[in-house]
Amino acid sequence: MSDRGFVVACALVFATLFGVLALGLAQVVSTYQWCGQNLAGQVGATEATAELRLDATPAVVCRSGAVTLAVPIAPVVASVVFAVIGMVISLVTVVIAARRVRAARTR
């Protein structure tokens, strides 16, 4: 594979992982909003609070009166971490390969 093709492939991997990151964050945000807005209506309370807990067991904790619901988000957190690490690796690879292509042009 040529260096240019390698750069394009890494850029596509970066874009794909960016999509995974965006979808993961969107899922956390939608779960958080669901807790804050819809849970109160479903349990018959007037108010609900949502809290993001990022400890050993990541979850969105919803509280409405005496009712507490912890919605686990560990798979989403794992996919976001995977996407960020993959994006960093692909970005570094693109930079290195682009420098090689530029150096080959100047020779």
Protein backbone atom coordinates (compact mmCIF):
# COMPACT_ATOMS: atom_id res chain seq x y z
CA MET A 1 0.00 0.00 0.00
CA SER A 2 1.30 3.44 -0.82
CA ASP A 3 1.77 6.11 1.82
CA ARG A 4 -1.07 8.16 0.36
CA GLY A 5 -3.44 5.21 0.52
CA PHE A 6 -2.35 4.57 4.08
CA VAL A 7 -3.08 8.20 5.03
CA VAL A 8 -6.54 7.98 3.46
CA ALA A 9 -7.28 4.68 5.25
CA CYS A 10 -6.20 6.13 8.61
CA ALA A 11 -8.31 9.22 8.02
CA LEU A 12 -11.34 7.01 7.35
CA VAL A 13 -10.65 5.07 10.55
CA PHE A 14 -10.45 8.39 12.42
CA ALA A 15 -13.79 9.48 10.97
CA THR A 16 -15.42 6.16 11.88
CA LEU A 17 -14.15 6.35 15.46
CA PHE A 18 -15.35 9.95 15.68
CA GLY A 19 -18.81 8.65 14.78
CA VAL A 20 -18.57 6.00 17.52
CA LEU A 21 -17.55 8.73 19.98
CA ALA A 22 -20.45 10.98 18.96
CA LEU A 23 -22.99 8.15 19.24
CA GLY A 24 -21.68 7.16 22.69
CA LEU A 25 -21.88 10.70 24.00
CA ALA A 26 -25.35 11.11 22.49
CA GLN A 27 -26.52 7.98 24.30
CA VAL A 28 -25.24 9.26 27.65
CA VAL A 29 -26.87 12.65 27.08
CA SER A 30 -30.21 11.14 26.06
CA THR A 31 -30.22 8.83 29.11
CA TYR A 32 -29.42 11.80 31.35
CA GLN A 33 -32.24 13.85 29.81
CA TRP A 34 -34.66 10.94 30.08
CA CYS A 35 -33.95 10.71 33.79
CA GLY A 36 -34.46 14.42 34.32
CA GLN A 37 -37.61 14.82 32.25
CA ASN A 38 -39.53 11.58 31.75
CA LEU A 39 -38.91 9.62 34.94
CA ALA A 40 -40.93 11.99 37.12
CA GLY A 41 -43.98 11.55 34.90
CA GLN A 42 -43.63 7.79 34.82
CA VAL A 43 -43.47 7.36 38.60
CA GLY A 44 -46.06 10.03 39.32
CA ALA A 45 -43.73 12.49 41.03
CA THR A 46 -43.42 16.19 40.38
CA GLU A 47 -39.66 16.38 40.08
CA ALA A 48 -36.75 14.09 39.20
CA THR A 49 -33.03 14.68 39.37
CA ALA A 50 -30.34 13.04 37.28
CA GLU A 51 -26.74 12.52 38.30
CA LEU A 52 -23.86 11.19 36.20
CA ARG A 53 -21.73 8.76 38.19
CA LEU A 54 -18.36 7.84 36.66
CA ASP A 55 -16.78 5.56 39.25
CA ALA A 56 -16.08 1.80 39.11
CA THR A 57 -19.61 1.17 37.82
CA PRO A 58 -20.58 4.12 35.58
CA ALA A 59 -24.27 4.94 35.66
CA VAL A 60 -26.83 7.68 35.32
CA VAL A 61 -28.59 7.81 38.70
CA CYS A 62 -32.17 9.05 38.60
CA ARG A 63 -33.92 10.11 41.79
CA SER A 64 -37.56 10.99 42.08
CA GLY A 65 -38.84 11.14 45.62
CA ALA A 66 -38.21 7.76 47.24
CA VAL A 67 -37.52 6.08 43.88
CA THR A 68 -33.89 5.72 42.80
CA LEU A 69 -32.96 4.19 39.47
CA ALA A 70 -29.37 3.58 38.33
CA VAL A 71 -29.10 3.12 34.56
CA PRO A 72 -25.74 1.47 33.79
CA ILE A 73 -23.66 3.10 31.06
CA ALA A 74 -20.47 1.02 31.35
CA PRO A 75 -20.63 -0.27 27.73
CA VAL A 76 -21.06 3.28 26.45
CA VAL A 77 -18.15 4.57 28.53
CA ALA A 78 -16.00 1.70 27.26
CA SER A 79 -16.86 2.48 23.63
CA VAL A 80 -16.10 6.19 24.15
CA VAL A 81 -12.71 5.37 25.69
CA PHE A 82 -11.98 2.93 22.85
CA ALA A 83 -12.93 5.57 20.28
CA VAL A 84 -10.74 8.25 21.87
CA ILE A 85 -7.71 5.93 22.05
CA GLY A 86 -8.27 4.80 18.46
CA MET A 87 -8.63 8.39 17.26
CA VAL A 88 -5.34 9.37 18.90
CA ILE A 89 -3.54 6.40 17.34
CA SER A 90 -4.97 7.06 13.87
CA LEU A 91 -4.23 10.78 14.10
CA VAL A 92 -0.60 10.15 15.05
CA THR A 93 -0.34 7.63 12.22
CA VAL A 94 -1.79 10.12 9.71
CA VAL A 95 0.67 12.80 10.80
CA ILE A 96 3.67 10.47 10.51
CA ALA A 97 2.57 9.11 7.13
CA ALA A 98 1.81 12.61 5.81
CA ARG A 99 5.32 13.71 6.77
CA ARG A 100 6.73 10.73 4.90
CA VAL A 101 4.69 11.62 1.81
CA ARG A 102 5.85 15.25 2.01
CA ALA A 103 9.48 14.16 2.45
CA ALA A 104 9.20 11.84 -0.56
CA ARG A 105 7.93 14.73 -2.71
CA THR A 106 10.88 16.96 -1.88
CA ARG A 107 13.44 14.36 -2.92
